[in-house]
Amino acid sequence: MKHKIVWFFAFLMLSAQAQKAKRVFGKDPLVNLENFDKQRVYWGYYLGFNSYDFKFDYKVNAPDIEVKRTTGFNVGLVGDLRLTDYINIRFEPGLYYTKRNLTYTTLTKPVDRDREVNSTYIHLPLLLKFSSVRTGNIRPYLVGGFSTTSNLASNQKSKDDNTQQKFRMKQWTQNYEVGFGIDLYLEYFKFSPSIRGVFGMNDELVRDNDPNSPWTGNINSMKTRAILVNFTFH
């Protein structure tokens, strides 16, 4: 009997939430935060996750380096300036944690073959946001722009290189970014999930001291590629 009562109240709660969602996102929704986008400036924060990769450009007949991606974590702030009713400029400084595992398939010893590349990025993107017409409590948008990134774990200044198991990268890089998202206007705040691609524009690899190094000698350039998924609250 007790289980039936619990299931009954759970059903009532789910029904109530479904009715509320229908009022907010249904055919004739109750419009929330109607004047929110009329603000000249507003602020927010985001949480999310990332998947970083490398794009290698090799010399002729060089063997590929395998990159195993992992899922990292993002956290940051958002400053939004309205330029027109449909265009905003955004600054989204954040801290990004990620890891990539490299495997040099031609090397046999595990100590030589595997490199774990941990990165802690201070990510500084300046973006343009192009929003569509708002429909009820939903407003899709596109976003794009440029960013500068500082890798706090780059090892750029280290005198050791891969012969001492030290993989080195340049500390500062520049990127361009493109993505899309949806603004959802809830009762007390605006929630904006988004997905964005990051494309590094400059070579990030610091070469080993030996120009014929098996770890860096066969690489013309190494550039970041990443997918970011952020959940923003305004």
C-alpha atoms as a PDB file:
ATOM      1  CA  MET A   1       0.000   0.000   0.000  1.00  0.00           C
ATOM      2  CA  LYS A   2       2.814   2.390   0.912  1.00  0.00           C
ATOM      3  CA  HIS A   3       4.461   1.835  -2.486  1.00  0.00           C
ATOM      4  CA  LYS A   4       1.201   2.680  -4.248  1.00  0.00           C
ATOM      5  CA  ILE A   5       0.942   5.965  -2.330  1.00  0.00           C
ATOM      6  CA  VAL A   6       4.545   6.891  -3.213  1.00  0.00           C
ATOM      7  CA  TRP A   7       3.967   6.128  -6.895  1.00  0.00           C
ATOM      8  CA  PHE A   8       0.747   8.145  -6.807  1.00  0.00           C
ATOM      9  CA  PHE A   9       2.454  11.259  -5.440  1.00  0.00           C
ATOM     10  CA  ALA A  10       5.361  10.811  -7.861  1.00  0.00           C
ATOM     11  CA  PHE A  11       2.857  10.688 -10.729  1.00  0.00           C
ATOM     12  CA  LEU A  12       1.208  13.892  -9.477  1.00  0.00           C
ATOM     13  CA  MET A  13       4.571  15.686  -9.279  1.00  0.00           C
ATOM     14  CA  LEU A  14       5.569  14.610 -12.790  1.00  0.00           C
ATOM     15  CA  SER A  15       2.194  15.686 -14.137  1.00  0.00           C
ATOM     16  CA  ALA A  16       2.579  19.084 -12.500  1.00  0.00           C
ATOM     17  CA  GLN A  17       6.044  19.545 -13.997  1.00  0.00           C
ATOM     18  CA  ALA A  18       4.759  18.508 -17.429  1.00  0.00           C
ATOM     19  CA  GLN A  19       1.941  21.047 -17.222  1.00  0.00           C
ATOM     20  CA  LYS A  20       4.406  23.759 -16.184  1.00  0.00           C
ATOM     21  CA  ALA A  21       6.713  22.902 -19.095  1.00  0.00           C
ATOM     22  CA  LYS A  22       3.723  23.074 -21.442  1.00  0.00           C
ATOM     23  CA  ARG A  23       2.915  26.570 -20.184  1.00  0.00           C
ATOM     24  CA  VAL A  24       6.533  27.676 -20.704  1.00  0.00           C
ATOM     25  CA  PHE A  25       7.396  25.953 -24.018  1.00  0.00           C
ATOM     26  CA  GLY A  26       4.015  24.977 -25.474  1.00  0.00           C
ATOM     27  CA  LYS A  27       2.082  26.421 -28.393  1.00  0.00           C
ATOM     28  CA  ASP A  28       0.821  29.425 -26.407  1.00  0.00           C
ATOM     29  CA  PRO A  29       3.467  29.732 -23.692  1.00  0.00           C
ATOM     30  CA  LEU A  30       3.573  31.986 -20.683  1.00  0.00           C
ATOM     31  CA  VAL A  31       6.356  34.383 -21.730  1.00  0.00           C
ATOM     32  CA  ASN A  32       9.173  34.640 -19.181  1.00  0.00           C
ATOM     33  CA  LEU A  33      11.718  37.455 -18.815  1.00  0.00           C
ATOM     34  CA  GLU A  34      10.063  39.395 -21.602  1.00  0.00           C
ATOM     35  CA  ASN A  35      12.412  42.394 -21.376  1.00  0.00           C
ATOM     36  CA  PHE A  36      15.601  40.518 -20.529  1.00  0.00           C
ATOM     37  CA  ASP A  37      17.264  41.017 -23.937  1.00  0.00           C
ATOM     38  CA  LYS A  38      16.615  44.760 -23.890  1.00  0.00           C
ATOM     39  CA  GLN A  39      19.392  45.216 -21.336  1.00  0.00           C
ATOM     40  CA  ARG A  40      22.492  46.929 -22.697  1.00  0.00           C
ATOM     41  CA  VAL A  41      24.853  44.773 -20.628  1.00  0.00           C
ATOM     42  CA  TYR A  42      24.286  41.607 -18.624  1.00  0.00           C
ATOM     43  CA  TRP A  43      26.425  38.966 -16.958  1.00  0.00           C
ATOM     44  CA  GLY A  44      26.461  35.251 -16.387  1.00  0.00           C
ATOM     45  CA  TYR A  45      28.577  32.198 -15.763  1.00  0.00           C
ATOM     46  CA  TYR A  46      29.005  28.815 -17.401  1.00  0.00           C
ATOM     47  CA  LEU A  47      29.927  25.239 -16.587  1.00  0.00           C
ATOM     48  CA  GLY A  48      30.681  22.601 -19.170  1.00  0.00           C
ATOM     49  CA  PHE A  49      32.949  19.964 -20.583  1.00  0.00           C
ATOM     50  CA  ASN A  50      35.409  19.690 -23.444  1.00  0.00           C
ATOM     51  CA  SER A  51      37.150  17.247 -25.750  1.00  0.00           C
ATOM     52  CA  TYR A  52      40.555  18.424 -27.017  1.00  0.00           C
ATOM     53  CA  ASP A  53      42.496  16.952 -29.921  1.00  0.00           C
ATOM     54  CA  PHE A  54      45.580  17.777 -32.009  1.00  0.00           C
ATOM     55  CA  LYS A  55      45.785  18.228 -35.765  1.00  0.00           C
ATOM     56  CA  PHE A  56      49.228  17.126 -36.967  1.00  0.00           C
ATOM     57  CA  ASP A  57      50.820  18.114 -40.253  1.00  0.00           C
ATOM     58  CA  TYR A  58      53.582  15.597 -40.962  1.00  0.00           C
ATOM     59  CA  LYS A  59      56.637  15.533 -43.151  1.00  0.00           C
ATOM     60  CA  VAL A  60      56.652  13.198 -46.165  1.00  0.00           C
ATOM     61  CA  ASN A  61      56.164   9.508 -45.282  1.00  0.00           C
ATOM     62  CA  ALA A  62      56.119  10.201 -41.546  1.00  0.00           C
ATOM     63  CA  PRO A  63      54.100   7.782 -39.353  1.00  0.00           C
ATOM     64  CA  ASP A  64      50.960   9.085 -37.685  1.00  0.00           C
ATOM     65  CA  ILE A  65      50.798   9.861 -33.979  1.00  0.00           C
ATOM     66  CA  GLU A  66      47.701   8.448 -32.299  1.00  0.00           C
ATOM     67  CA  VAL A  67      45.784  10.883 -30.099  1.00  0.00           C
ATOM     68  CA  LYS A  68      43.424   9.591 -27.436  1.00  0.00           C
ATOM     69  CA  ARG A  69      41.029  12.292 -26.287  1.00  0.00           C
ATOM     70  CA  THR A  70      39.509  12.556 -22.822  1.00  0.00           C
ATOM     71  CA  THR A  71      36.664  14.626 -21.391  1.00  0.00           C
ATOM     72  CA  GLY A  72      37.720  17.779 -19.563  1.00  0.00           C
ATOM     73  CA  PHE A  73      35.951  20.447 -17.521  1.00  0.00           C
ATOM     74  CA  ASN A  74      35.183  24.130 -18.179  1.00  0.00           C
ATOM     75  CA  VAL A  75      34.157  26.955 -15.851  1.00  0.00           C
ATOM     76  CA  GLY A  76      33.999  30.672 -16.567  1.00  0.00           C
ATOM     77  CA  LEU A  77      32.199  34.003 -16.691  1.00  0.00           C
ATOM     78  CA  VAL A  78      30.206  35.755 -19.420  1.00  0.00           C
ATOM     79  CA  GLY A  79      29.905  39.445 -20.196  1.00  0.00           C
ATOM     80  CA  ASP A  80      27.366  40.330 -22.900  1.00  0.00           C
ATOM     81  CA  LEU A  81      27.002  43.690 -24.672  1.00  0.00           C
ATOM     82  CA  ARG A  82      23.952  44.253 -26.905  1.00  0.00           C
ATOM     83  CA  LEU A  83      24.851  45.954 -30.194  1.00  0.00           C
ATOM     84  CA  THR A  84      21.490  45.535 -31.941  1.00  0.00           C
ATOM     85  CA  ASP A  85      18.337  43.499 -31.314  1.00  0.00           C
ATOM     86  CA  TYR A  86      19.983  40.513 -33.013  1.00  0.00           C
ATOM     87  CA  ILE A  87      23.741  40.981 -32.528  1.00  0.00           C
ATOM     88  CA  ASN A  88      25.680  40.869 -29.263  1.00  0.00           C
ATOM     89  CA  ILE A  89      29.371  40.883 -28.470  1.00  0.00           C
ATOM     90  CA  ARG A  90      30.471  38.493 -25.729  1.00  0.00           C
ATOM     91  CA  PHE A  91      33.576  38.025 -23.623  1.00  0.00           C
ATOM     92  CA  GLU A  92      33.773  34.576 -22.004  1.00  0.00           C
ATOM     93  CA  PRO A  93      36.980  34.163 -19.940  1.00  0.00           C
ATOM     94  CA  GLY A  94      37.303  30.695 -18.476  1.00  0.00           C
ATOM     95  CA  LEU A  95      39.485  27.998 -16.988  1.00  0.00           C
ATOM     96  CA  TYR A  96      39.668  24.754 -18.969  1.00  0.00           C
ATOM     97  CA  TYR A  97      41.157  21.446 -17.799  1.00  0.00           C
ATOM     98  CA  THR A  98      41.902  18.714 -20.328  1.00  0.00           C
ATOM     99  CA  LYS A  99      44.207  15.794 -21.132  1.00  0.00           C
ATOM    100  CA  ARG A 100      45.396  14.136 -24.354  1.00  0.00           C
ATOM    101  CA  ASN A 101      47.332  10.884 -24.586  1.00  0.00           C
ATOM    102  CA  LEU A 102      49.784  10.542 -27.475  1.00  0.00           C
ATOM    103  CA  THR A 103      51.079   7.223 -28.783  1.00  0.00           C
ATOM    104  CA  TYR A 104      54.136   7.058 -31.062  1.00  0.00           C
ATOM    105  CA  THR A 105      53.413   3.795 -32.833  1.00  0.00           C
ATOM    106  CA  THR A 106      56.946   3.301 -34.217  1.00  0.00           C
ATOM    107  CA  LEU A 107      58.550   3.284 -30.745  1.00  0.00           C
ATOM    108  CA  THR A 108      58.565   0.038 -28.773  1.00  0.00           C
ATOM    109  CA  LYS A 109      59.337   0.970 -25.168  1.00  0.00           C
ATOM    110  CA  PRO A 110      56.281   2.262 -23.232  1.00  0.00           C
ATOM    111  CA  VAL A 111      58.393   4.997 -21.630  1.00  0.00           C
ATOM    112  CA  ASP A 112      59.177   6.316 -25.127  1.00  0.00           C
ATOM    113  CA  ARG A 113      55.946   5.429 -26.926  1.00  0.00           C
ATOM    114  CA  ASP A 114      53.393   7.124 -24.632  1.00  0.00           C
ATOM    115  CA  ARG A 115      53.093  10.780 -23.705  1.00  0.00           C
ATOM    116  CA  GLU A 116      50.416  12.175 -21.399  1.00  0.00           C
ATOM    117  CA  VAL A 117      49.722  15.826 -22.255  1.00  0.00           C
ATOM    118  CA  ASN A 118      47.914  17.584 -19.415  1.00  0.00           C
ATOM    119  CA  SER A 119      46.748  21.131 -20.084  1.00  0.00           C
ATOM    120  CA  THR A 120      45.266  23.867 -17.928  1.00  0.00           C
ATOM    121  CA  TYR A 121      44.075  26.669 -20.184  1.00  0.00           C
ATOM    122  CA  ILE A 122      43.122  30.238 -19.428  1.00  0.00           C
ATOM    123  CA  HIS A 123      40.772  30.727 -22.361  1.00  0.00           C
ATOM    124  CA  LEU A 124      39.926  34.289 -23.505  1.00  0.00           C
ATOM    125  CA  PRO A 125      37.372  34.338 -26.354  1.00  0.00           C
ATOM    126  CA  LEU A 126      35.802  37.455 -27.875  1.00  0.00           C
ATOM    127  CA  LEU A 127      32.702  36.411 -29.822  1.00  0.00           C
ATOM    128  CA  LEU A 128      29.828  37.772 -31.879  1.00  0.00           C
ATOM    129  CA  LYS A 129      26.422  36.264 -31.161  1.00  0.00           C
ATOM    130  CA  PHE A 130      23.786  36.320 -33.929  1.00  0.00           C
ATOM    131  CA  SER A 131      20.321  35.603 -32.524  1.00  0.00           C
ATOM    132  CA  SER A 132      17.138  34.700 -34.368  1.00  0.00           C
ATOM    133  CA  VAL A 133      13.691  36.084 -33.612  1.00  0.00           C
ATOM    134  CA  ARG A 134      12.472  34.928 -30.223  1.00  0.00           C
ATOM    135  CA  THR A 135       9.622  32.414 -30.316  1.00  0.00           C
ATOM    136  CA  GLY A 136       7.906  32.157 -26.959  1.00  0.00           C
ATOM    137  CA  ASN A 137      10.670  31.221 -24.526  1.00  0.00           C
ATOM    138  CA  ILE A 138      13.106  29.871 -27.110  1.00  0.00           C
ATOM    139  CA  ARG A 139      15.693  31.756 -29.160  1.00  0.00           C
ATOM    140  CA  PRO A 140      18.368  29.925 -31.219  1.00  0.00           C
ATOM    141  CA  TYR A 141      21.633  31.651 -32.035  1.00  0.00           C
ATOM    142  CA  LEU A 142      24.959  31.307 -33.850  1.00  0.00           C
ATOM    143  CA  VAL A 143      28.254  32.423 -32.364  1.00  0.00           C
ATOM    144  CA  GLY A 144      31.743  32.940 -33.749  1.00  0.00           C
ATOM    145  CA  GLY A 145      34.947  34.832 -33.128  1.00  0.00           C
ATOM    146  CA  PHE A 146      38.544  34.598 -31.988  1.00  0.00           C
ATOM    147  CA  SER A 147      40.275  33.580 -28.795  1.00  0.00           C
ATOM    148  CA  THR A 148      43.651  33.667 -27.103  1.00  0.00           C
ATOM    149  CA  THR A 149      44.700  30.810 -24.841  1.00  0.00           C
ATOM    150  CA  SER A 150      47.427  30.534 -22.217  1.00  0.00           C
ATOM    151  CA  ASN A 151      48.470  26.977 -21.355  1.00  0.00           C
ATOM    152  CA  LEU A 152      49.691  26.990 -17.743  1.00  0.00           C
ATOM    153  CA  ALA A 153      51.077  23.443 -18.158  1.00  0.00           C
ATOM    154  CA  SER A 154      52.882  24.010 -21.476  1.00  0.00           C
ATOM    155  CA  ASN A 155      56.451  23.203 -20.245  1.00  0.00           C
ATOM    156  CA  GLN A 156      57.691  25.722 -22.813  1.00  0.00           C
ATOM    157  CA  LYS A 157      60.498  27.007 -20.583  1.00  0.00           C
ATOM    158  CA  SER A 158      61.654  23.556 -19.519  1.00  0.00           C
ATOM    159  CA  LYS A 159      65.182  22.631 -20.611  1.00  0.00           C
ATOM    160  CA  ASP A 160      64.223  18.952 -20.580  1.00  0.00           C
ATOM    161  CA  ASP A 161      62.584  17.480 -23.664  1.00  0.00           C
ATOM    162  CA  ASN A 162      61.176  14.117 -24.716  1.00  0.00           C
ATOM    163  CA  THR A 163      64.447  12.328 -23.985  1.00  0.00           C
ATOM    164  CA  GLN A 164      63.592  13.089 -20.340  1.00  0.00           C
ATOM    165  CA  GLN A 165      59.872  12.278 -20.910  1.00  0.00           C
ATOM    166  CA  LYS A 166      58.961  15.988 -21.070  1.00  0.00           C
ATOM    167  CA  PHE A 167      56.549  16.965 -23.865  1.00  0.00           C
ATOM    168  CA  ARG A 168      56.686  20.718 -24.517  1.00  0.00           C
ATOM    169  CA  MET A 169      54.169  23.115 -26.043  1.00  0.00           C
ATOM    170  CA  LYS A 170      54.038  26.854 -26.589  1.00  0.00           C
ATOM    171  CA  GLN A 171      52.268  28.715 -23.828  1.00  0.00           C
ATOM    172  CA  TRP A 172      50.237  31.172 -25.942  1.00  0.00           C
ATOM    173  CA  THR A 173      48.058  30.242 -28.910  1.00  0.00           C
ATOM    174  CA  GLN A 174      45.387  31.908 -31.053  1.00  0.00           C
ATOM    175  CA  ASN A 175      42.194  30.265 -32.282  1.00  0.00           C
ATOM    176  CA  TYR A 176      39.001  30.898 -34.162  1.00  0.00           C
ATOM    177  CA  GLU A 177      35.699  29.520 -32.886  1.00  0.00           C
ATOM    178  CA  VAL A 178      32.252  28.790 -34.339  1.00  0.00           C
ATOM    179  CA  GLY A 179      29.176  27.254 -32.761  1.00  0.00           C
ATOM    180  CA  PHE A 180      25.477  27.448 -31.996  1.00  0.00           C
ATOM    181  CA  GLY A 181      23.154  27.364 -29.013  1.00  0.00           C
ATOM    182  CA  ILE A 182      19.658  28.013 -27.710  1.00  0.00           C
ATOM    183  CA  ASP A 183      18.486  30.604 -25.198  1.00  0.00           C
ATOM    184  CA  LEU A 184      15.769  29.183 -22.944  1.00  0.00           C
ATOM    185  CA  TYR A 185      13.879  31.791 -20.917  1.00  0.00           C
ATOM    186  CA  LEU A 186      12.878  30.301 -17.595  1.00  0.00           C
ATOM    187  CA  GLU A 187      10.950  31.911 -14.780  1.00  0.00           C
ATOM    188  CA  TYR A 188      13.915  33.426 -12.937  1.00  0.00           C
ATOM    189  CA  PHE A 189      16.901  33.201 -15.302  1.00  0.00           C
ATOM    190  CA  LYS A 190      17.985  32.537 -18.881  1.00  0.00           C
ATOM    191  CA  PHE A 191      19.595  29.154 -19.539  1.00  0.00           C
ATOM    192  CA  SER A 192      21.757  28.736 -22.657  1.00  0.00           C
ATOM    193  CA  PRO A 193      23.227  25.364 -23.649  1.00  0.00           C
ATOM    194  CA  SER A 194      25.687  25.617 -26.544  1.00  0.00           C
ATOM    195  CA  ILE A 195      28.263  23.661 -28.519  1.00  0.00           C
ATOM    196  CA  ARG A 196      31.324  25.219 -30.128  1.00  0.00           C
ATOM    197  CA  GLY A 197      34.349  24.172 -32.130  1.00  0.00           C
ATOM    198  CA  VAL A 198      37.818  25.611 -31.438  1.00  0.00           C
ATOM    199  CA  PHE A 199      40.450  25.659 -34.209  1.00  0.00           C
ATOM    200  CA  GLY A 200      44.044  26.587 -33.374  1.00  0.00           C
ATOM    201  CA  MET A 201      45.733  28.804 -35.950  1.00  0.00           C
ATOM    202  CA  ASN A 202      49.424  28.553 -35.008  1.00  0.00           C
ATOM    203  CA  ASP A 203      51.912  25.745 -34.462  1.00  0.00           C
ATOM    204  CA  GLU A 204      52.024  24.871 -30.749  1.00  0.00           C
ATOM    205  CA  LEU A 205      54.853  22.331 -30.691  1.00  0.00           C
ATOM    206  CA  VAL A 206      58.195  23.082 -29.043  1.00  0.00           C
ATOM    207  CA  ARG A 207      60.754  20.883 -30.818  1.00  0.00           C
ATOM    208  CA  ASP A 208      63.237  18.689 -29.013  1.00  0.00           C
ATOM    209  CA  ASN A 209      66.882  19.716 -28.893  1.00  0.00           C
ATOM    210  CA  ASP A 210      67.748  17.003 -31.425  1.00  0.00           C
ATOM    211  CA  PRO A 211      66.382  18.008 -34.868  1.00  0.00           C
ATOM    212  CA  ASN A 212      66.031  14.302 -35.726  1.00  0.00           C
ATOM    213  CA  SER A 213      64.060  13.507 -32.576  1.00  0.00           C
ATOM    214  CA  PRO A 214      61.589  10.607 -33.096  1.00  0.00           C
ATOM    215  CA  TRP A 215      59.003  12.595 -31.118  1.00  0.00           C
ATOM    216  CA  THR A 216      59.119  15.962 -32.906  1.00  0.00           C
ATOM    217  CA  GLY A 217      61.459  15.658 -35.906  1.00  0.00           C
ATOM    218  CA  ASN A 218      58.734  14.388 -38.259  1.00  0.00           C
ATOM    219  CA  ILE A 219      56.145  17.093 -37.453  1.00  0.00           C
ATOM    220  CA  ASN A 220      55.668  20.259 -39.511  1.00  0.00           C
ATOM    221  CA  SER A 221      52.961  21.662 -37.254  1.00  0.00           C
ATOM    222  CA  MET A 222      50.690  20.711 -34.349  1.00  0.00           C
ATOM    223  CA  LYS A 223      47.472  22.656 -33.805  1.00  0.00           C
ATOM    224  CA  THR A 224      44.650  22.387 -31.290  1.00  0.00           C
ATOM    225  CA  ARG A 225      41.189  21.171 -32.214  1.00  0.00           C
ATOM    226  CA  ALA A 226      38.464  21.064 -29.581  1.00  0.00           C
ATOM    227  CA  ILE A 227      34.740  20.710 -28.988  1.00  0.00           C
ATOM    228  CA  LEU A 228      33.263  22.717 -26.110  1.00  0.00           C
ATOM    229  CA  VAL A 229      29.842  22.123 -24.567  1.00  0.00           C
ATOM    230  CA  ASN A 230      28.809  24.854 -22.146  1.00  0.00           C
ATOM    231  CA  PHE A 231      25.745  25.426 -19.988  1.00  0.00           C
ATOM    232  CA  THR A 232      25.376  29.144 -19.361  1.00  0.00           C
ATOM    233  CA  PHE A 233      23.222  30.852 -16.733  1.00  0.00           C
ATOM    234  CA  HIS A 234      22.290  34.551 -17.013  1.00  0.00           C
END
